[in-house]
Amino acid sequence: MRKQINGYIRLARCTEYFCFVIITTLLGAAASNGVFGWQLAGVLVANWLAVAFAFMINDVEDAPDDALTPHKLKRNPVSCADLTPRSAKIASFIVAALATLTYALLGFWPFVIGAICLLLGFLYSWRPVRFKNKPFLDLASHGLMLAGLQFLAAYFTFQPSPLNRWIYPFLFIVAISLYGELFNELRDLEGDAKAGLTHTASLLGPRIAFWLMMSLLALGVSSALVTVFVVHLFPTWVLFLVLGLAALLIIPPLLRVRRQKGHIEIQQSFQKPLEIAAAAALVAQFSGAWILQFIPWKFF
């Protein structure tokens, strides 16, 4: 039983997207002037579940391929036989059903966007279609199901706002998601080649794919700067909090940089600290005003 429970936890891979979903969701809510409450909690849970489904069904469908790569074999509970394909698939669709129900409670457009997100998550990995194995379509589906649609589900949960308020944060999270997809493809290029997989990085080659990845990163950073300094999507103190937390969290990987061997390894050391810092700062932005209303200021 313990082995199975551990297998389901590993199948969900929560640590890989927990913070990023907070960022995509809260940016979408901020763009539509959302506030802390049950709707925000609901769309955050729905987005977590939708992304969890995408990761879970991916491991089910990729189990034979992952068995060919040692580090993926140990990580994938289906590949290493900790879970049967049938039980893992059932668990995946239970999560998808819970996500669908949660989106439905939030309104018509969150439900429609959530349904599209779940469908893309399935088609991305399902072997008869497998968007992840089609160059450029892999990028488009990844950028939508793991970023853009999460943002839009939160955005339409609240009151929509003018284009200039949401387009730049939308570009930011989609560009960063596409950057992450190319990062993963370059990291797994050798193993994917052994499995006979084709994707954007394998078609373009590592050099061109790397520069495309860095261009997407530049687009993401520039869109983030516009979001902060032009759109003013959140208060200045949120930016300082992000920078302060990121500085603290990046110190350990910074000390290890000299032992890293390439661009991919170096970048990987910095990604997660930045995600954690941004997610924590956005949570503070939304929860801060809610918490302050319970403080008896008359005693100060």
Protein backbone atom coordinates (compact mmCIF):
# COMPACT_ATOMS: atom_id res chain seq x y z
CA MET A 1 0.00 0.00 0.00
CA ARG A 2 2.80 2.43 0.92
CA LYS A 3 4.49 1.68 -2.39
CA GLN A 4 1.29 2.52 -4.29
CA ILE A 5 0.68 5.75 -2.37
CA ASN A 6 4.24 6.81 -3.08
CA GLY A 7 3.68 5.91 -6.72
CA TYR A 8 0.61 8.13 -6.99
CA ILE A 9 2.50 11.02 -5.36
CA ARG A 10 5.34 10.62 -7.85
CA LEU A 11 2.84 10.33 -10.71
CA ALA A 12 1.35 13.73 -9.86
CA ARG A 13 4.82 15.40 -9.75
CA CYS A 14 3.43 18.38 -7.82
CA THR A 15 6.80 19.96 -7.09
CA GLU A 16 7.45 20.49 -10.82
CA TYR A 17 4.54 22.89 -11.35
CA PHE A 18 3.18 23.92 -7.93
CA CYS A 19 4.77 27.37 -7.89
CA PHE A 20 4.42 28.05 -11.61
CA VAL A 21 0.66 27.44 -11.49
CA ILE A 22 0.43 29.93 -8.62
CA ILE A 23 2.19 32.49 -10.81
CA THR A 24 0.05 31.92 -13.92
CA THR A 25 -3.18 31.88 -11.92
CA LEU A 26 -2.50 34.91 -9.74
CA LEU A 27 -1.26 36.96 -12.69
CA GLY A 28 -4.51 36.18 -14.49
CA ALA A 29 -6.50 37.17 -11.42
CA ALA A 30 -4.48 40.39 -11.00
CA ALA A 31 -5.09 41.31 -14.66
CA SER A 32 -8.85 41.20 -14.03
CA ASN A 33 -8.71 42.89 -10.62
CA GLY A 34 -9.46 39.66 -8.77
CA VAL A 35 -9.48 39.51 -5.00
CA PHE A 36 -8.70 36.90 -2.37
CA GLY A 37 -11.70 34.64 -1.82
CA TRP A 38 -13.33 31.35 -2.75
CA GLN A 39 -13.19 32.08 -6.49
CA LEU A 40 -9.43 32.64 -6.39
CA ALA A 41 -8.94 29.50 -4.32
CA GLY A 42 -11.22 27.59 -6.67
CA VAL A 43 -9.47 28.53 -9.90
CA LEU A 44 -6.09 27.87 -8.29
CA VAL A 45 -7.18 24.36 -7.28
CA ALA A 46 -8.74 23.76 -10.71
CA ASN A 47 -5.52 24.81 -12.46
CA TRP A 48 -3.41 22.63 -10.18
CA LEU A 49 -5.64 19.66 -10.96
CA ALA A 50 -5.59 20.34 -14.71
CA VAL A 51 -1.81 20.52 -14.81
CA ALA A 52 -1.55 17.46 -12.57
CA PHE A 53 -3.68 15.55 -15.09
CA ALA A 54 -1.38 16.61 -17.94
CA PHE A 55 1.68 15.37 -16.04
CA MET A 56 -0.02 12.14 -14.91
CA ILE A 57 -1.35 11.08 -18.30
CA ASN A 58 2.03 11.97 -19.78
CA ASP A 59 3.75 9.46 -17.51
CA VAL A 60 1.15 6.80 -18.38
CA GLU A 61 1.61 7.28 -22.12
CA ASP A 62 5.39 7.73 -21.92
CA ALA A 63 6.06 4.72 -19.68
CA PRO A 64 7.57 2.50 -22.45
CA ASP A 65 9.83 5.34 -23.65
CA ASP A 66 10.86 6.39 -20.14
CA ALA A 67 11.97 2.82 -19.45
CA LEU A 68 14.81 3.41 -21.95
CA THR A 69 16.30 6.30 -19.94
CA PRO A 70 17.70 5.46 -16.46
CA HIS A 71 16.72 8.70 -14.65
CA LYS A 72 13.24 8.67 -16.20
CA LEU A 73 12.78 4.98 -15.38
CA LYS A 74 13.28 5.68 -11.67
CA ARG A 75 11.07 8.78 -11.71
CA ASN A 76 8.12 7.32 -13.64
CA PRO A 77 6.14 5.01 -11.30
CA VAL A 78 4.54 3.25 -14.26
CA SER A 79 7.86 2.56 -15.98
CA CYS A 80 9.35 1.01 -12.84
CA ALA A 81 6.13 -0.98 -12.13
CA ASP A 82 5.22 0.75 -8.88
CA LEU A 83 1.82 1.43 -10.51
CA THR A 84 0.05 -0.48 -13.24
CA PRO A 85 -0.85 1.46 -16.40
CA ARG A 86 -4.54 0.86 -15.66
CA SER A 87 -4.45 2.19 -12.08
CA ALA A 88 -2.37 5.20 -13.12
CA LYS A 89 -4.79 5.99 -15.95
CA ILE A 90 -7.81 5.72 -13.63
CA ALA A 91 -6.14 8.08 -11.14
CA SER A 92 -5.37 10.52 -13.98
CA PHE A 93 -8.98 10.70 -15.15
CA ILE A 94 -10.29 11.07 -11.60
CA VAL A 95 -8.08 14.15 -11.29
CA ALA A 96 -9.38 15.41 -14.65
CA ALA A 97 -12.99 14.94 -13.50
CA LEU A 98 -12.31 16.90 -10.30
CA ALA A 99 -10.73 19.69 -12.33
CA THR A 100 -13.74 19.81 -14.67
CA LEU A 101 -16.16 20.02 -11.76
CA THR A 102 -14.16 22.82 -10.12
CA TYR A 103 -13.97 24.84 -13.35
CA ALA A 104 -17.74 24.41 -13.79
CA LEU A 105 -18.37 25.97 -10.37
CA LEU A 106 -16.47 29.10 -11.46
CA GLY A 107 -18.64 29.98 -14.44
CA PHE A 108 -19.13 29.35 -18.16
CA TRP A 109 -15.85 30.72 -19.56
CA PRO A 110 -13.60 29.17 -16.88
CA PHE A 111 -15.35 25.86 -17.63
CA VAL A 112 -14.80 26.18 -21.40
CA ILE A 113 -11.16 27.22 -20.98
CA GLY A 114 -10.57 24.49 -18.42
CA ALA A 115 -12.10 21.85 -20.72
CA ILE A 116 -9.83 22.96 -23.58
CA CYS A 117 -6.85 22.81 -21.22
CA LEU A 118 -7.69 19.25 -20.16
CA LEU A 119 -8.22 18.17 -23.76
CA LEU A 120 -4.86 19.62 -24.78
CA GLY A 121 -3.23 17.89 -21.81
CA PHE A 122 -4.60 14.59 -23.06
CA LEU A 123 -3.77 15.08 -26.75
CA TYR A 124 -0.28 16.28 -25.88
CA SER A 125 0.63 12.77 -24.67
CA TRP A 126 -1.96 10.35 -26.14
CA ARG A 127 -0.04 8.06 -28.49
CA PRO A 128 -2.44 8.08 -31.49
CA VAL A 129 -2.08 11.90 -31.66
CA ARG A 130 0.82 12.88 -29.41
CA PHE A 131 1.22 16.61 -29.94
CA LYS A 132 4.50 16.44 -28.00
CA ASN A 133 5.98 14.43 -30.86
CA LYS A 134 5.10 17.03 -33.52
CA PRO A 135 7.55 19.91 -33.98
CA PHE A 136 6.14 23.36 -33.19
CA LEU A 137 2.77 21.85 -32.25
CA ASP A 138 4.55 20.63 -29.13
CA LEU A 139 5.44 24.23 -28.25
CA ALA A 140 1.98 25.62 -28.98
CA SER A 141 0.13 22.99 -26.92
CA HIS A 142 2.63 23.21 -24.05
CA GLY A 143 2.47 27.00 -23.89
CA LEU A 144 -1.32 26.95 -23.76
CA MET A 145 -2.09 24.02 -21.46
CA LEU A 146 0.61 24.77 -18.90
CA ALA A 147 0.51 28.57 -18.92
CA GLY A 148 -1.78 30.54 -21.22
CA LEU A 149 -5.01 28.72 -20.44
CA GLN A 150 -4.24 28.73 -16.71
CA PHE A 151 -3.92 32.52 -16.93
CA LEU A 152 -7.14 32.89 -18.94
CA ALA A 153 -9.14 30.63 -16.63
CA ALA A 154 -8.24 32.92 -13.71
CA TYR A 155 -8.74 36.05 -15.82
CA PHE A 156 -12.31 35.09 -16.81
CA THR A 157 -13.17 34.00 -13.28
CA PHE A 158 -13.29 37.71 -12.45
CA GLN A 159 -14.24 40.82 -14.44
CA PRO A 160 -12.36 41.07 -17.79
CA SER A 161 -10.29 44.22 -18.28
CA PRO A 162 -8.82 46.13 -21.29
CA LEU A 163 -6.35 44.39 -23.62
CA ASN A 164 -3.37 46.48 -22.52
CA ARG A 165 -3.80 45.22 -18.95
CA TRP A 166 -3.63 41.47 -19.64
CA ILE A 167 -1.71 40.99 -22.90
CA TYR A 168 1.79 41.59 -21.46
CA PRO A 169 1.49 39.26 -18.44
CA PHE A 170 -0.08 36.72 -20.82
CA LEU A 171 2.92 36.99 -23.18
CA PHE A 172 5.25 36.75 -20.20
CA ILE A 173 3.94 33.44 -18.86
CA VAL A 174 3.48 31.86 -22.32
CA ALA A 175 7.02 32.82 -23.38
CA ILE A 176 8.46 31.44 -20.14
CA SER A 177 6.46 28.22 -20.60
CA LEU A 178 7.77 27.83 -24.16
CA TYR A 179 11.27 28.48 -22.85
CA GLY A 180 10.72 25.70 -20.30
CA GLU A 181 9.52 23.28 -22.98
CA LEU A 182 12.61 23.87 -25.12
CA PHE A 183 14.77 23.62 -22.01
CA ASN A 184 13.32 20.17 -21.28
CA GLU A 185 13.66 19.05 -24.89
CA LEU A 186 17.33 20.06 -24.99
CA ARG A 187 17.95 18.39 -21.63
CA ASP A 188 16.36 15.11 -22.79
CA LEU A 189 17.58 15.25 -26.40
CA GLU A 190 19.77 12.16 -26.20
CA GLY A 191 17.20 9.98 -24.45
CA ASP A 192 14.39 11.12 -26.75
CA ALA A 193 16.52 10.27 -29.79
CA LYS A 194 16.97 6.73 -28.47
CA ALA A 195 13.21 6.44 -28.04
CA GLY A 196 12.65 7.66 -31.60
CA LEU A 197 10.87 10.85 -30.51
CA THR A 198 10.85 13.97 -32.66
CA HIS A 199 10.10 17.47 -31.43
CA THR A 200 11.08 21.06 -32.10
CA ALA A 201 14.56 20.77 -30.56
CA SER A 202 15.39 17.59 -32.49
CA LEU A 203 14.17 19.16 -35.75
CA LEU A 204 16.05 22.45 -35.31
CA GLY A 205 19.15 20.96 -33.73
CA PRO A 206 20.62 21.89 -30.33
CA ARG A 207 22.27 25.14 -31.45
CA ILE A 208 19.24 26.75 -33.12
CA ALA A 209 16.91 25.39 -30.43
CA PHE A 210 19.11 26.94 -27.74
CA TRP A 211 18.98 30.38 -29.34
CA LEU A 212 15.22 30.08 -29.87
CA MET A 213 14.94 29.20 -26.19
CA MET A 214 16.98 32.24 -25.19
CA SER A 215 14.89 34.47 -27.50
CA LEU A 216 11.73 33.28 -25.77
CA LEU A 217 13.36 34.00 -22.43
CA ALA A 218 14.16 37.54 -23.63
CA LEU A 219 10.54 38.00 -24.75
CA GLY A 220 9.35 36.77 -21.38
CA VAL A 221 11.66 39.09 -19.45
CA SER A 222 10.75 42.14 -21.58
CA SER A 223 7.02 41.39 -21.20
CA ALA A 224 7.53 41.06 -17.45
CA LEU A 225 9.24 44.46 -17.33
CA VAL A 226 6.32 46.07 -19.19
CA THR A 227 3.91 44.31 -16.82
CA VAL A 228 5.72 45.73 -13.80
CA PHE A 229 6.72 49.23 -14.89
CA VAL A 230 4.10 50.18 -17.50
CA VAL A 231 0.95 48.21 -16.72
CA HIS A 232 1.62 48.35 -12.94
CA LEU A 233 -0.16 45.04 -12.41
CA PHE A 234 1.02 44.86 -8.82
CA PRO A 235 2.49 47.24 -6.21
CA THR A 236 6.20 48.07 -6.17
CA TRP A 237 6.69 46.26 -2.86
CA VAL A 238 5.78 42.98 -4.57
CA LEU A 239 8.68 43.44 -6.99
CA PHE A 240 11.09 44.16 -4.13
CA LEU A 241 9.82 41.08 -2.31
CA VAL A 242 10.44 38.94 -5.41
CA LEU A 243 13.97 40.31 -5.77
CA GLY A 244 14.75 39.88 -2.08
CA LEU A 245 13.48 36.30 -1.86
CA ALA A 246 15.14 35.39 -5.16
CA ALA A 247 18.48 36.74 -3.94
CA LEU A 248 18.28 34.61 -0.80
CA LEU A 249 17.18 31.47 -2.63
CA ILE A 250 19.71 31.81 -5.45
CA ILE A 251 22.75 31.98 -3.16
CA PRO A 252 23.13 28.16 -2.79
CA PRO A 253 22.97 27.45 -6.56
CA LEU A 254 25.19 30.48 -7.19
CA LEU A 255 27.89 28.85 -5.07
CA ARG A 256 27.56 25.70 -7.17
CA VAL A 257 27.77 27.41 -10.55
CA ARG A 258 31.48 26.74 -10.97
CA ARG A 259 30.79 23.02 -10.77
CA GLN A 260 28.17 23.15 -13.53
CA LYS A 261 29.29 22.03 -16.96
CA GLY A 262 26.96 23.73 -19.45
CA HIS A 263 24.31 26.34 -20.15
CA ILE A 264 21.44 23.94 -19.44
CA GLU A 265 22.78 22.88 -16.04
CA ILE A 266 23.48 26.48 -15.01
CA GLN A 267 20.00 27.69 -15.99
CA GLN A 268 18.35 24.79 -14.17
CA SER A 269 19.97 25.93 -10.91
CA PHE A 270 18.26 29.33 -11.07
CA GLN A 271 14.77 28.49 -12.38
CA LYS A 272 13.21 27.01 -9.27
CA PRO A 273 14.37 29.74 -6.81
CA LEU A 274 12.90 32.41 -9.11
CA GLU A 275 9.60 30.51 -9.35
CA ILE A 276 9.36 30.14 -5.58
CA ALA A 277 10.14 33.83 -5.01
CA ALA A 278 7.57 35.04 -7.56
CA ALA A 279 4.88 32.68 -6.27
CA ALA A 280 5.44 33.70 -2.64
CA ALA A 281 5.32 37.42 -3.50
CA LEU A 282 2.07 37.08 -5.47
CA VAL A 283 0.48 35.09 -2.66
CA ALA A 284 1.52 37.87 -0.26
CA GLN A 285 -0.06 40.46 -2.56
CA PHE A 286 -3.45 38.72 -2.64
CA SER A 287 -3.57 37.48 0.93
CA GLY A 288 -2.08 40.61 2.55
CA ALA A 289 -5.14 42.84 2.23
CA TRP A 290 -7.40 39.98 3.35
CA ILE A 291 -5.29 39.33 6.45
CA LEU A 292 -5.03 43.03 7.34
CA GLN A 293 -8.81 43.35 7.66
CA PHE A 294 -8.70 41.02 10.67
CA ILE A 295 -6.06 43.03 12.55
CA PRO A 296 -7.57 45.24 15.29
CA TRP A 297 -5.76 48.44 14.35
CA LYS A 298 -7.33 50.32 17.28
CA PHE A 299 -4.87 48.52 19.57
CA PHE A 300 -1.88 50.00 17.75
